[in-house]
Amino acid sequence: QSIGPDLSVSDREVLAELLDLCSLVGLRDADSYRAAKQLRPGHPAIFQTMDDAVLLDVDCTAPQANRIGVSLDAQQWPFPDDDYLNVMAAVIDGLAERTGAEVEFIPQSADSEGDGSDQEVHQAVARRCSRPVSVAPIEKGTASSQRLTRCQWVVTTRVHPVVFGLLAGAAVLPIGLDRRGLSRIDGALRNWGWADAAVPFAALWDPQTG
């Protein structure tokens, strides 16, 4: 699916060996594709492709409510926790005010690499929002993705909500925290013809005021 974008010498050695074992390689973003081709330029079957989440059994033609579906990764690095929570709350409040839409936080992961669950960060952001919001429970992937497809608006720092929002024809605001996240999100956006359409979190953040 994705590799890198930052690879150590040992990472590159192991990855090259794994590529040699594969008869077909599908990668969902340009950075991953470029890294794989650099490691094994002679490999006969390395392709850039859609994220395999598009194969999930989700009805992307379901009626949409005037709702903002929010899905945030619990991983906040490299930004201070409070700044991340406050900025995301301000973004959500601003969009809700402009659209008149209700807000629903929709978690995608119970635990993000030991950083806690999406639901925990959703609850923390929800407490900072000035408007009423709802926080959905942790659900199986199909159910949470279906929730997203029923929203007219999607705000997310994750790649799969970008995929399902675009599949459903929602207006998507993708926010990347770091190079890795921006790379994956950019890959999903480019598959729908959107280049450089992700918003870096740093562009929303003032390090002096938070």
Protein backbone atom coordinates (compact mmCIF):
# COMPACT_ATOMS: atom_id res chain seq x y z
CA GLN A 1 0.00 0.00 0.00
CA SER A 2 2.48 2.66 1.16
CA ILE A 3 6.16 2.71 2.01
CA GLY A 4 8.32 5.43 3.53
CA PRO A 5 8.60 8.23 2.71
CA ASP A 6 11.53 8.24 5.17
CA LEU A 7 13.57 5.05 4.92
CA SER A 8 16.76 4.13 6.77
CA VAL A 9 19.55 2.16 5.09
CA SER A 10 18.33 -1.06 6.71
CA ASP A 11 14.73 -0.25 5.75
CA ARG A 12 15.77 0.08 2.13
CA GLU A 13 17.69 -3.19 2.21
CA VAL A 14 14.77 -5.14 3.66
CA LEU A 15 12.28 -3.47 1.33
CA ALA A 16 14.41 -4.30 -1.72
CA GLU A 17 14.45 -7.97 -0.69
CA LEU A 18 10.68 -7.96 -0.21
CA LEU A 19 10.14 -6.40 -3.63
CA ASP A 20 12.22 -9.17 -5.18
CA LEU A 21 9.78 -11.70 -3.69
CA CYS A 22 6.71 -9.98 -5.16
CA SER A 23 5.39 -10.67 -8.63
CA LEU A 24 2.98 -7.72 -8.42
CA VAL A 25 3.26 -4.55 -6.30
CA GLY A 26 0.49 -1.97 -5.92
CA LEU A 27 1.26 1.34 -4.22
CA ARG A 28 -1.30 4.03 -3.39
CA ASP A 29 0.79 7.20 -3.54
CA ALA A 30 3.48 8.73 -5.72
CA ASP A 31 6.15 8.81 -3.00
CA SER A 32 5.78 5.07 -2.38
CA TYR A 33 5.81 4.29 -6.09
CA ARG A 34 8.91 6.43 -6.64
CA ALA A 35 10.74 4.79 -3.71
CA ALA A 36 9.95 1.29 -4.94
CA LYS A 37 11.06 2.07 -8.51
CA GLN A 38 14.30 3.59 -7.23
CA LEU A 39 15.04 0.45 -5.24
CA ARG A 40 14.12 -1.95 -8.03
CA PRO A 41 14.00 -0.06 -11.35
CA GLY A 42 13.95 -3.33 -13.28
CA HIS A 43 10.96 -4.83 -11.48
CA PRO A 44 8.36 -5.72 -14.15
CA ALA A 45 5.21 -5.04 -12.14
CA ILE A 46 5.30 -2.06 -9.77
CA PHE A 47 2.19 0.07 -10.19
CA GLN A 48 0.54 3.08 -8.57
CA THR A 49 -3.05 2.20 -7.84
CA MET A 50 -6.15 3.09 -5.82
CA ASP A 51 -6.28 2.47 -2.08
CA ASP A 52 -7.78 -0.99 -1.54
CA ALA A 53 -10.35 0.56 0.82
CA VAL A 54 -12.42 1.28 -2.30
CA LEU A 55 -13.25 -2.45 -2.29
CA LEU A 56 -14.95 -2.28 1.11
CA ASP A 57 -18.67 -3.09 0.97
CA VAL A 58 -19.94 0.44 1.54
CA ASP A 59 -22.88 2.11 -0.21
CA CYS A 60 -21.46 5.39 -1.48
CA THR A 61 -24.80 6.38 -3.04
CA ALA A 62 -26.60 6.63 0.33
CA PRO A 63 -28.46 9.93 0.96
CA GLN A 64 -26.27 12.53 2.66
CA ALA A 65 -27.28 14.74 5.57
CA ASN A 66 -26.07 18.30 6.10
CA ARG A 67 -23.46 16.94 8.45
CA ILE A 68 -19.72 17.33 8.93
CA GLY A 69 -18.06 13.97 9.50
CA VAL A 70 -14.85 14.45 11.48
CA SER A 71 -12.22 11.72 11.70
CA LEU A 72 -8.96 12.62 13.44
CA ASP A 73 -5.92 10.48 14.10
CA ALA A 74 -4.88 10.28 17.75
CA GLN A 75 -1.29 10.85 16.58
CA GLN A 76 -0.60 14.58 17.01
CA TRP A 77 3.17 14.63 16.46
CA PRO A 78 5.03 16.90 15.78
CA PHE A 79 2.65 19.48 17.25
CA PRO A 80 1.86 20.20 20.92
CA ASP A 81 -1.23 18.33 22.08
CA ASP A 82 -3.20 21.37 23.21
CA ASP A 83 -2.40 23.29 20.03
CA TYR A 84 -3.57 20.37 17.88
CA LEU A 85 -6.83 20.05 19.80
CA ASN A 86 -7.53 23.79 19.80
CA VAL A 87 -6.78 24.31 16.11
CA MET A 88 -8.94 21.37 15.07
CA ALA A 89 -11.81 22.62 17.24
CA ALA A 90 -11.53 26.07 15.62
CA VAL A 91 -11.54 24.57 12.11
CA ILE A 92 -14.62 22.48 12.87
CA ASP A 93 -16.45 25.38 14.52
CA GLY A 94 -15.68 27.62 11.56
CA LEU A 95 -16.95 25.11 8.99
CA ALA A 96 -20.07 24.39 11.03
CA GLU A 97 -20.82 28.10 11.26
CA ARG A 98 -20.43 28.60 7.51
CA THR A 99 -22.47 25.55 6.48
CA GLY A 100 -25.03 25.34 9.27
CA ALA A 101 -24.20 21.62 9.38
CA GLU A 102 -24.29 19.38 12.42
CA VAL A 103 -21.02 17.78 13.49
CA GLU A 104 -20.35 14.10 14.11
CA PHE A 105 -16.95 12.71 15.14
CA ILE A 106 -16.44 9.30 13.50
CA PRO A 107 -13.49 7.22 14.78
CA GLN A 108 -11.57 4.90 12.46
CA SER A 109 -9.13 3.26 14.87
CA ALA A 110 -9.30 1.94 18.41
CA ASP A 111 -5.58 2.52 18.94
CA SER A 112 -3.18 4.37 16.69
CA GLU A 113 0.23 2.75 17.23
CA GLY A 114 0.00 3.11 21.00
CA ASP A 115 -1.05 6.77 20.88
CA GLY A 116 -4.58 6.12 22.12
CA SER A 117 -7.85 5.79 20.26
CA ASP A 118 -9.41 8.17 17.78
CA GLN A 119 -12.40 8.37 20.11
CA GLU A 120 -10.25 9.78 22.90
CA VAL A 121 -8.93 12.60 20.73
CA HIS A 122 -12.43 13.15 19.34
CA GLN A 123 -13.80 13.63 22.83
CA ALA A 124 -10.98 16.04 23.67
CA VAL A 125 -11.64 18.14 20.54
CA ALA A 126 -15.41 17.98 21.10
CA ARG A 127 -14.97 19.52 24.55
CA ARG A 128 -13.24 22.49 22.91
CA CYS A 129 -15.89 23.05 20.25
CA SER A 130 -18.27 25.93 20.87
CA ARG A 131 -21.15 24.23 19.07
CA PRO A 132 -23.04 21.03 19.98
CA VAL A 133 -21.42 17.95 18.47
CA SER A 134 -21.86 14.19 18.70
CA VAL A 135 -19.14 11.56 19.10
CA ALA A 136 -19.82 8.17 17.52
CA PRO A 137 -18.53 4.98 19.17
CA ILE A 138 -15.77 2.75 17.83
CA GLU A 139 -17.31 0.52 15.15
CA LYS A 140 -16.17 -1.99 12.57
CA GLY A 141 -14.61 -0.50 9.47
CA THR A 142 -17.64 -0.95 7.24
CA ALA A 143 -19.98 0.76 9.70
CA SER A 144 -17.73 3.75 10.40
CA SER A 145 -16.99 4.21 6.70
CA GLN A 146 -20.70 4.09 5.93
CA ARG A 147 -21.26 6.87 8.46
CA LEU A 148 -18.73 9.01 6.59
CA THR A 149 -20.42 8.46 3.23
CA ARG A 150 -23.65 9.91 4.68
CA CYS A 151 -21.98 13.25 5.44
CA GLN A 152 -21.94 16.15 2.99
CA TRP A 153 -18.67 17.35 4.51
CA VAL A 154 -15.59 15.48 5.77
CA VAL A 155 -12.76 16.91 7.88
CA THR A 156 -9.95 14.47 8.51
CA THR A 157 -6.26 13.87 9.17
CA ARG A 158 -6.60 10.25 7.96
CA VAL A 159 -6.36 8.81 4.46
CA HIS A 160 -9.36 6.44 4.47
CA PRO A 161 -11.94 9.11 5.34
CA VAL A 162 -10.55 11.03 2.36
CA VAL A 163 -11.16 7.97 0.17
CA PHE A 164 -14.73 7.40 1.37
CA GLY A 165 -15.60 11.08 1.33
CA LEU A 166 -14.48 11.36 -2.29
CA LEU A 167 -16.26 8.15 -3.25
CA ALA A 168 -19.49 9.55 -1.85
CA GLY A 169 -19.05 12.95 -3.51
CA ALA A 170 -18.63 14.84 -0.22
CA ALA A 171 -16.68 18.07 0.17
CA VAL A 172 -13.47 16.91 1.85
CA LEU A 173 -11.04 18.99 3.92
CA PRO A 174 -7.90 16.81 4.33
CA ILE A 175 -5.35 18.05 6.86
CA GLY A 176 -1.88 16.50 7.01
CA LEU A 177 0.26 16.63 10.13
CA ASP A 178 3.58 15.47 8.74
CA ARG A 179 5.29 14.37 5.54
CA ARG A 180 4.06 10.79 5.89
CA GLY A 181 0.44 11.80 6.36
CA LEU A 182 0.52 14.37 3.58
CA SER A 183 2.05 11.82 1.22
CA ARG A 184 -0.73 9.27 1.81
CA ILE A 185 -3.50 11.86 1.62
CA ASP A 186 -2.01 13.34 -1.55
CA GLY A 187 -2.03 9.87 -3.12
CA ALA A 188 -5.76 9.48 -2.43
CA LEU A 189 -6.54 12.97 -3.75
CA ARG A 190 -4.55 12.52 -6.95
CA ASN A 191 -6.56 9.41 -7.80
CA TRP A 192 -9.53 11.78 -8.09
CA GLY A 193 -7.56 14.37 -10.05
CA TRP A 194 -6.74 16.68 -7.13
CA ALA A 195 -3.07 17.66 -6.93
CA ASP A 196 -1.58 19.42 -3.89
CA ALA A 197 -5.04 19.77 -2.35
CA ALA A 198 -4.23 18.71 1.22
CA VAL A 199 -3.87 21.41 3.87
CA PRO A 200 -0.72 21.13 6.03
CA PHE A 201 -1.63 21.53 9.70
CA ALA A 202 1.34 23.89 10.03
CA ALA A 203 -0.50 26.35 7.75
CA LEU A 204 -3.30 26.57 10.35
CA TRP A 205 -1.04 26.73 13.39
CA ASP A 206 0.67 29.71 15.03
CA PRO A 207 3.55 28.42 17.19
CA GLN A 208 3.43 31.57 19.31
CA THR A 209 -0.26 31.57 20.15
CA GLY A 210 -1.17 27.94 19.51
